[in-house]
């Protein structure tokens, strides 16, 4: 954000681009059938306010649900 990158581009860099850079885009990076279903569900829309990434969230990893 401080570099002028939009929240949408920041999330793409952290998900899709990261998976692609690690050559894991066949397993990770976005929601699709056959890919790992680990995800974070945010209380607020981080596209509206990237600070929402630091707020309440639900984490689903390995089929287990974690809440803060």
Protein backbone atom coordinates (compact mmCIF):
# COMPACT_ATOMS: atom_id res chain seq x y z
CA UNK A 1 0.00 0.00 0.00
CA UNK A 2 2.81 2.40 0.87
CA UNK A 3 4.29 1.72 -2.57
CA UNK A 4 1.01 2.68 -4.22
CA UNK A 5 -0.05 -0.89 -5.03
CA UNK A 6 -3.82 -1.41 -4.87
CA UNK A 7 -5.30 -3.87 -2.35
CA UNK A 8 -6.48 -6.11 -5.22
CA UNK A 9 -2.99 -6.23 -6.73
CA UNK A 10 -1.46 -6.84 -3.29
CA UNK A 11 -3.73 -9.86 -2.75
CA UNK A 12 -2.92 -11.20 -6.21
CA UNK A 13 0.81 -10.83 -5.52
CA UNK A 14 0.42 -12.72 -2.21
CA UNK A 15 -1.70 -15.55 -3.65
CA UNK A 16 -1.64 -16.28 -7.38
CA UNK A 17 1.73 -14.67 -8.14
CA UNK A 18 3.33 -16.30 -5.09
CA UNK A 19 2.09 -19.75 -6.08
CA UNK A 20 3.26 -19.18 -9.65
CA UNK A 21 6.71 -17.98 -8.54
CA UNK A 22 7.10 -21.15 -6.44
CA UNK A 23 5.83 -23.29 -9.34
CA UNK A 24 2.92 -24.42 -7.14
CA UNK A 25 0.09 -22.86 -9.14
CA UNK A 26 -1.25 -26.35 -9.93
CA UNK A 27 -1.91 -26.78 -6.16
CA UNK A 28 -2.27 -23.26 -4.72
CA UNK A 29 -3.10 -19.68 -5.57
CA UNK A 30 -6.85 -19.65 -6.08
CA UNK A 31 -9.96 -21.66 -5.30
CA UNK A 32 -10.59 -24.46 -7.77
CA UNK A 33 -11.50 -28.13 -7.78
CA UNK A 34 -8.49 -30.30 -6.96
CA UNK A 35 -6.46 -27.56 -5.30
CA UNK A 36 -5.70 -27.33 -1.59
CA UNK A 37 -8.56 -25.72 0.27
CA UNK A 38 -6.52 -23.84 2.87
CA UNK A 39 -7.87 -20.30 3.10
CA UNK A 40 -8.38 -17.25 5.26
CA UNK A 41 -11.82 -15.66 5.59
CA UNK A 42 -11.64 -12.05 6.71
CA UNK A 43 -14.24 -10.22 8.81
CA UNK A 44 -14.04 -7.24 6.46
CA UNK A 45 -13.31 -6.98 2.77
CA UNK A 46 -9.56 -6.36 2.36
CA UNK A 47 -10.25 -4.91 -1.10
CA UNK A 48 -12.10 -2.05 0.61
CA UNK A 49 -9.47 -1.55 3.31
CA UNK A 50 -6.22 -3.50 3.37
CA UNK A 51 -5.98 -2.89 7.15
CA UNK A 52 -8.79 -5.43 7.40
CA UNK A 53 -6.10 -8.09 6.91
CA UNK A 54 -5.07 -7.44 10.50
CA UNK A 55 -8.60 -7.78 11.89
CA UNK A 56 -10.72 -10.80 12.83
CA UNK A 57 -10.45 -13.80 10.57
CA UNK A 58 -11.16 -17.50 10.23
CA UNK A 59 -8.38 -19.78 9.00
CA UNK A 60 -9.14 -23.12 7.36
CA UNK A 61 -6.06 -25.32 7.08
CA UNK A 62 -5.98 -29.03 6.45
CA UNK A 63 -9.74 -29.23 6.96
CA UNK A 64 -9.57 -27.69 10.45
CA UNK A 65 -11.16 -24.33 11.30
CA UNK A 66 -9.26 -21.86 13.48
CA UNK A 67 -10.78 -18.61 14.76
CA UNK A 68 -9.21 -15.76 16.69
